[in-house]
Amino acid sequence: MDLTFGDKMIVLRKRKKIPRVLLAKKIGVSPASITNYENDVYKPSYKVLVRISDYFEVTTDFLLK
């Protein structure tokens, strides 16, 4: 089974043991945005996607595929 974007966000965030609020602050979005990304309500803008991939040290391709 393939993981969704939100599933990958959850796995990466839990692996780093970082709460949503702190992740939101680190990448410059609201905590509600993190929740929406993790619940696959919507995907981040390209700019935010790059910040997420940089923070977790993964490629944007990994997050999107």
PDB file of N, CA and C in Angstrom:
ATOM      1  N   MET A   1       0.840  -1.186   0.000  1.00  0.00           N
ATOM      2  CA  MET A   1       0.000   0.000   0.000  1.00  0.00           C
ATOM      3  C   MET A   1       0.885   1.250   0.000  1.00  0.00           C
ATOM      4  N   ASP A   2       0.573   2.163  -0.869  1.00  0.00           N
ATOM      5  CA  ASP A   2       1.336   3.404  -0.946  1.00  0.00           C
ATOM      6  C   ASP A   2       0.890   4.379   0.128  1.00  0.00           C
ATOM      7  N   LEU A   3       1.857   5.080   0.676  1.00  0.00           N
ATOM      8  CA  LEU A   3       1.544   6.107   1.668  1.00  0.00           C
ATOM      9  C   LEU A   3       1.157   7.402   0.968  1.00  0.00           C
ATOM     10  N   THR A   4       0.185   8.095   1.534  1.00  0.00           N
ATOM     11  CA  THR A   4      -0.200   9.396   0.998  1.00  0.00           C
ATOM     12  C   THR A   4       0.801  10.444   1.485  1.00  0.00           C
ATOM     13  N   PHE A   5       0.680  11.642   0.932  1.00  0.00           N
ATOM     14  CA  PHE A   5       1.513  12.749   1.393  1.00  0.00           C
ATOM     15  C   PHE A   5       1.357  12.923   2.903  1.00  0.00           C
ATOM     16  N   GLY A   6       0.114  12.919   3.364  1.00  0.00           N
ATOM     17  CA  GLY A   6      -0.158  13.093   4.793  1.00  0.00           C
ATOM     18  C   GLY A   6       0.452  12.002   5.650  1.00  0.00           C
ATOM     19  N   ASP A   7       0.353  10.761   5.171  1.00  0.00           N
ATOM     20  CA  ASP A   7       0.949   9.634   5.904  1.00  0.00           C
ATOM     21  C   ASP A   7       2.455   9.816   6.054  1.00  0.00           C
ATOM     22  N   LYS A   8       3.095  10.257   4.983  1.00  0.00           N
ATOM     23  CA  LYS A   8       4.545  10.465   5.023  1.00  0.00           C
ATOM     24  C   LYS A   8       4.905  11.581   5.999  1.00  0.00           C
ATOM     25  N   MET A   9       4.109  12.639   5.997  1.00  0.00           N
ATOM     26  CA  MET A   9       4.341  13.742   6.948  1.00  0.00           C
ATOM     27  C   MET A   9       4.270  13.232   8.389  1.00  0.00           C
ATOM     28  N   ILE A  10       3.258  12.429   8.670  1.00  0.00           N
ATOM     29  CA  ILE A  10       3.084  11.892  10.025  1.00  0.00           C
ATOM     30  C   ILE A  10       4.280  11.033  10.414  1.00  0.00           C
ATOM     31  N   VAL A  11       4.686  10.131   9.526  1.00  0.00           N
ATOM     32  CA  VAL A  11       5.814   9.239   9.810  1.00  0.00           C
ATOM     33  C   VAL A  11       7.081  10.049  10.062  1.00  0.00           C
ATOM     34  N   LEU A  12       7.360  11.007   9.192  1.00  0.00           N
ATOM     35  CA  LEU A  12       8.573  11.813   9.346  1.00  0.00           C
ATOM     36  C   LEU A  12       8.536  12.642  10.621  1.00  0.00           C
ATOM     37  N   ARG A  13       7.385  13.226  10.909  1.00  0.00           N
ATOM     38  CA  ARG A  13       7.263  14.060  12.112  1.00  0.00           C
ATOM     39  C   ARG A  13       7.438  13.219  13.378  1.00  0.00           C
ATOM     40  N   LYS A  14       6.831  12.055  13.400  1.00  0.00           N
ATOM     41  CA  LYS A  14       6.951  11.185  14.584  1.00  0.00           C
ATOM     42  C   LYS A  14       8.364  10.635  14.725  1.00  0.00           C
ATOM     43  N   ARG A  15       9.011  10.365  13.601  1.00  0.00           N
ATOM     44  CA  ARG A  15      10.391   9.871  13.633  1.00  0.00           C
ATOM     45  C   ARG A  15      11.312  10.906  14.275  1.00  0.00           C
ATOM     46  N   LYS A  16      11.061  12.193  13.997  1.00  0.00           N
ATOM     47  CA  LYS A  16      11.851  13.271  14.599  1.00  0.00           C
ATOM     48  C   LYS A  16      11.341  13.681  15.973  1.00  0.00           C
ATOM     49  N   LYS A  17      10.208  13.111  16.358  1.00  0.00           N
ATOM     50  CA  LYS A  17       9.601  13.401  17.666  1.00  0.00           C
ATOM     51  C   LYS A  17       9.344  14.899  17.835  1.00  0.00           C
ATOM     52  N   ILE A  18       8.743  15.488  16.818  1.00  0.00           N
ATOM     53  CA  ILE A  18       8.444  16.912  16.862  1.00  0.00           C
ATOM     54  C   ILE A  18       6.922  17.111  16.811  1.00  0.00           C
ATOM     55  N   PRO A  19       6.376  17.882  17.735  1.00  0.00           N
ATOM     56  CA  PRO A  19       4.927  18.121  17.708  1.00  0.00           C
ATOM     57  C   PRO A  19       4.540  19.023  16.532  1.00  0.00           C
ATOM     58  N   ARG A  20       3.285  18.940  16.130  1.00  0.00           N
ATOM     59  CA  ARG A  20       2.789  19.747  15.010  1.00  0.00           C
ATOM     60  C   ARG A  20       3.080  21.228  15.192  1.00  0.00           C
ATOM     61  N   VAL A  21       2.859  21.730  16.401  1.00  0.00           N
ATOM     62  CA  VAL A  21       3.031  23.166  16.658  1.00  0.00           C
ATOM     63  C   VAL A  21       4.470  23.596  16.389  1.00  0.00           C
ATOM     64  N   LEU A  22       5.428  22.817  16.829  1.00  0.00           N
ATOM     65  CA  LEU A  22       6.836  23.165  16.622  1.00  0.00           C
ATOM     66  C   LEU A  22       7.222  23.041  15.147  1.00  0.00           C
ATOM     67  N   LEU A  23       6.742  22.000  14.487  1.00  0.00           N
ATOM     68  CA  LEU A  23       7.015  21.849  13.059  1.00  0.00           C
ATOM     69  C   LEU A  23       6.456  23.041  12.289  1.00  0.00           C
ATOM     70  N   ALA A  24       5.245  23.440  12.639  1.00  0.00           N
ATOM     71  CA  ALA A  24       4.614  24.586  11.976  1.00  0.00           C
ATOM     72  C   ALA A  24       5.480  25.833  12.122  1.00  0.00           C
ATOM     73  N   LYS A  25       5.974  26.046  13.321  1.00  0.00           N
ATOM     74  CA  LYS A  25       6.817  27.212  13.578  1.00  0.00           C
ATOM     75  C   LYS A  25       8.114  27.128  12.759  1.00  0.00           C
ATOM     76  N   LYS A  26       8.710  25.946  12.698  1.00  0.00           N
ATOM     77  CA  LYS A  26       9.987  25.767  11.996  1.00  0.00           C
ATOM     78  C   LYS A  26       9.869  26.022  10.489  1.00  0.00           C
ATOM     79  N   ILE A  27       8.704  25.662   9.903  1.00  0.00           N
ATOM     80  CA  ILE A  27       8.571  25.826   8.449  1.00  0.00           C
ATOM     81  C   ILE A  27       7.710  27.034   8.067  1.00  0.00           C
ATOM     82  N   GLY A  28       7.230  27.764   9.056  1.00  0.00           N
ATOM     83  CA  GLY A  28       6.540  29.020   8.775  1.00  0.00           C
ATOM     84  C   GLY A  28       5.096  28.911   8.334  1.00  0.00           C
ATOM     85  N   VAL A  29       4.380  27.924   8.892  1.00  0.00           N
ATOM     86  CA  VAL A  29       2.950  27.791   8.603  1.00  0.00           C
ATOM     87  C   VAL A  29       2.198  27.665   9.919  1.00  0.00           C
ATOM     88  N   SER A  30       0.881  27.652   9.854  1.00  0.00           N
ATOM     89  CA  SER A  30       0.089  27.499  11.069  1.00  0.00           C
ATOM     90  C   SER A  30      -0.002  26.023  11.460  1.00  0.00           C
ATOM     91  N   PRO A  31      -0.234  25.749  12.746  1.00  0.00           N
ATOM     92  CA  PRO A  31      -0.439  24.351  13.156  1.00  0.00           C
ATOM     93  C   PRO A  31      -1.626  23.710  12.432  1.00  0.00           C
ATOM     94  N   ALA A  32      -2.638  24.509  12.126  1.00  0.00           N
ATOM     95  CA  ALA A  32      -3.793  23.978  11.385  1.00  0.00           C
ATOM     96  C   ALA A  32      -3.379  23.500   9.991  1.00  0.00           C
ATOM     97  N   SER A  33      -2.415  24.190   9.383  1.00  0.00           N
ATOM     98  CA  SER A  33      -1.924  23.763   8.067  1.00  0.00           C
ATOM     99  C   SER A  33      -1.260  22.395   8.162  1.00  0.00           C
ATOM    100  N   ILE A  34      -0.470  22.180   9.203  1.00  0.00           N
ATOM    101  CA  ILE A  34       0.169  20.865   9.391  1.00  0.00           C
ATOM    102  C   ILE A  34      -0.906  19.788   9.508  1.00  0.00           C
ATOM    103  N   THR A  35      -1.924  20.052  10.296  1.00  0.00           N
ATOM    104  CA  THR A  35      -3.031  19.100  10.454  1.00  0.00           C
ATOM    105  C   THR A  35      -3.683  18.822   9.106  1.00  0.00           C
ATOM    106  N   ASN A  36      -3.929  19.873   8.332  1.00  0.00           N
ATOM    107  CA  ASN A  36      -4.551  19.688   7.016  1.00  0.00           C
ATOM    108  C   ASN A  36      -3.658  18.906   6.062  1.00  0.00           C
ATOM    109  N   TYR A  37      -2.355  19.144   6.107  1.00  0.00           N
ATOM    110  CA  TYR A  37      -1.441  18.358   5.273  1.00  0.00           C
ATOM    111  C   TYR A  37      -1.481  16.887   5.694  1.00  0.00           C
ATOM    112  N   GLU A  38      -1.417  16.649   6.989  1.00  0.00           N
ATOM    113  CA  GLU A  38      -1.391  15.267   7.490  1.00  0.00           C
ATOM    114  C   GLU A  38      -2.701  14.529   7.243  1.00  0.00           C
ATOM    115  N   ASN A  39      -3.790  15.262   7.174  1.00  0.00           N
ATOM    116  CA  ASN A  39      -5.097  14.646   6.902  1.00  0.00           C
ATOM    117  C   ASN A  39      -5.431  14.645   5.418  1.00  0.00           C
ATOM    118  N   ASP A  40      -4.462  15.031   4.599  1.00  0.00           N
ATOM    119  CA  ASP A  40      -4.628  15.082   3.145  1.00  0.00           C
ATOM    120  C   ASP A  40      -5.797  15.958   2.710  1.00  0.00           C
ATOM    121  N   VAL A  41      -6.071  17.006   3.488  1.00  0.00           N
ATOM    122  CA  VAL A  41      -7.104  17.962   3.104  1.00  0.00           C
ATOM    123  C   VAL A  41      -6.592  18.784   1.924  1.00  0.00           C
ATOM    124  N   TYR A  42      -5.331  19.200   1.992  1.00  0.00           N
ATOM    125  CA  TYR A  42      -4.667  19.845   0.873  1.00  0.00           C
ATOM    126  C   TYR A  42      -3.167  19.675   0.993  1.00  0.00           C
ATOM    127  N   LYS A  43      -2.488  19.945  -0.127  1.00  0.00           N
ATOM    128  CA  LYS A  43      -1.027  19.857  -0.147  1.00  0.00           C
ATOM    129  C   LYS A  43      -0.455  21.260  -0.008  1.00  0.00           C
ATOM    130  N   PRO A  44       0.755  21.361   0.483  1.00  0.00           N
ATOM    131  CA  PRO A  44       1.377  22.684   0.654  1.00  0.00           C
ATOM    132  C   PRO A  44       1.750  23.306  -0.686  1.00  0.00           C
ATOM    133  N   SER A  45       1.963  24.607  -0.652  1.00  0.00           N
ATOM    134  CA  SER A  45       2.488  25.301  -1.832  1.00  0.00           C
ATOM    135  C   SER A  45       3.891  24.759  -2.100  1.00  0.00           C
ATOM    136  N   TYR A  46       4.402  25.057  -3.291  1.00  0.00           N
ATOM    137  CA  TYR A  46       5.748  24.597  -3.636  1.00  0.00           C
ATOM    138  C   TYR A  46       6.779  25.123  -2.642  1.00  0.00           C
ATOM    139  N   LYS A  47       6.644  26.387  -2.274  1.00  0.00           N
ATOM    140  CA  LYS A  47       7.579  27.017  -1.339  1.00  0.00           C
ATOM    141  C   LYS A  47       7.604  26.269   0.001  1.00  0.00           C
ATOM    142  N   VAL A  48       6.429  25.945   0.517  1.00  0.00           N
ATOM    143  CA  VAL A  48       6.331  25.228   1.793  1.00  0.00           C
ATOM    144  C   VAL A  48       6.788  23.782   1.620  1.00  0.00           C
ATOM    145  N   LEU A  49       6.471  23.180   0.500  1.00  0.00           N
ATOM    146  CA  LEU A  49       6.916  21.810   0.221  1.00  0.00           C
ATOM    147  C   LEU A  49       8.440  21.717   0.302  1.00  0.00           C
ATOM    148  N   VAL A  50       9.122  22.691  -0.256  1.00  0.00           N
ATOM    149  CA  VAL A  50      10.590  22.709  -0.219  1.00  0.00           C
ATOM    150  C   VAL A  50      11.078  22.849   1.228  1.00  0.00           C
ATOM    151  N   ARG A  51      10.422  23.700   2.015  1.00  0.00           N
ATOM    152  CA  ARG A  51      10.807  23.836   3.432  1.00  0.00           C
ATOM    153  C   ARG A  51      10.617  22.525   4.190  1.00  0.00           C
ATOM    154  N   ILE A  52       9.522  21.834   3.896  1.00  0.00           N
ATOM    155  CA  ILE A  52       9.252  20.538   4.548  1.00  0.00           C
ATOM    156  C   ILE A  52      10.334  19.537   4.156  1.00  0.00           C
ATOM    157  N   SER A  53      10.635  19.447   2.872  1.00  0.00           N
ATOM    158  CA  SER A  53      11.639  18.470   2.429  1.00  0.00           C
ATOM    159  C   SER A  53      13.017  18.806   3.005  1.00  0.00           C
ATOM    160  N   ASP A  54      13.349  20.094   3.080  1.00  0.00           N
ATOM    161  CA  ASP A  54      14.623  20.489   3.685  1.00  0.00           C
ATOM    162  C   ASP A  54      14.660  20.119   5.165  1.00  0.00           C
ATOM    163  N   TYR A  55      13.581  20.399   5.868  1.00  0.00           N
ATOM    164  CA  TYR A  55      13.556  20.117   7.303  1.00  0.00           C
ATOM    165  C   TYR A  55      13.737  18.622   7.577  1.00  0.00           C
ATOM    166  N   PHE A  56      13.020  17.791   6.812  1.00  0.00           N
ATOM    167  CA  PHE A  56      13.091  16.339   7.052  1.00  0.00           C
ATOM    168  C   PHE A  56      14.221  15.662   6.281  1.00  0.00           C
ATOM    169  N   GLU A  57      14.953  16.444   5.475  1.00  0.00           N
ATOM    170  CA  GLU A  57      16.067  15.918   4.686  1.00  0.00           C
ATOM    171  C   GLU A  57      15.634  14.787   3.758  1.00  0.00           C
ATOM    172  N   VAL A  58      14.534  15.036   3.044  1.00  0.00           N
ATOM    173  CA  VAL A  58      14.037  14.118   2.027  1.00  0.00           C
ATOM    174  C   VAL A  58      13.800  14.938   0.764  1.00  0.00           C
ATOM    175  N   THR A  59      13.603  14.261  -0.350  1.00  0.00           N
ATOM    176  CA  THR A  59      13.334  14.975  -1.594  1.00  0.00           C
ATOM    177  C   THR A  59      11.849  15.325  -1.697  1.00  0.00           C
ATOM    178  N   THR A  60      11.565  16.328  -2.522  1.00  0.00           N
ATOM    179  CA  THR A  60      10.162  16.658  -2.764  1.00  0.00           C
ATOM    180  C   THR A  60       9.491  15.499  -3.505  1.00  0.00           C
ATOM    181  N   ASP A  61      10.229  14.814  -4.364  1.00  0.00           N
ATOM    182  CA  ASP A  61       9.679  13.642  -5.049  1.00  0.00           C
ATOM    183  C   ASP A  61       9.217  12.587  -4.057  1.00  0.00           C
ATOM    184  N   PHE A  62      10.020  12.333  -3.038  1.00  0.00           N
ATOM    185  CA  PHE A  62       9.639  11.355  -2.031  1.00  0.00           C
ATOM    186  C   PHE A  62       8.308  11.733  -1.396  1.00  0.00           C
ATOM    187  N   LEU A  63       8.140  13.000  -1.077  1.00  0.00           N
ATOM    188  CA  LEU A  63       6.908  13.440  -0.424  1.00  0.00           C
ATOM    189  C   LEU A  63       5.689  13.341  -1.336  1.00  0.00           C
ATOM    190  N   LEU A  64       5.883  13.611  -2.614  1.00  0.00           N
ATOM    191  CA  LEU A  64       4.754  13.676  -3.535  1.00  0.00           C
ATOM    192  C   LEU A  64       4.387  12.370  -4.211  1.00  0.00           C
ATOM    193  N   LYS A  65       5.299  11.420  -4.236  1.00  0.00           N
ATOM    194  CA  LYS A  65       5.000  10.151  -4.935  1.00  0.00           C
ATOM    195  C   LYS A  65       4.530   9.091  -3.991  1.00  0.00           C
TER     196      LYS A  65
END
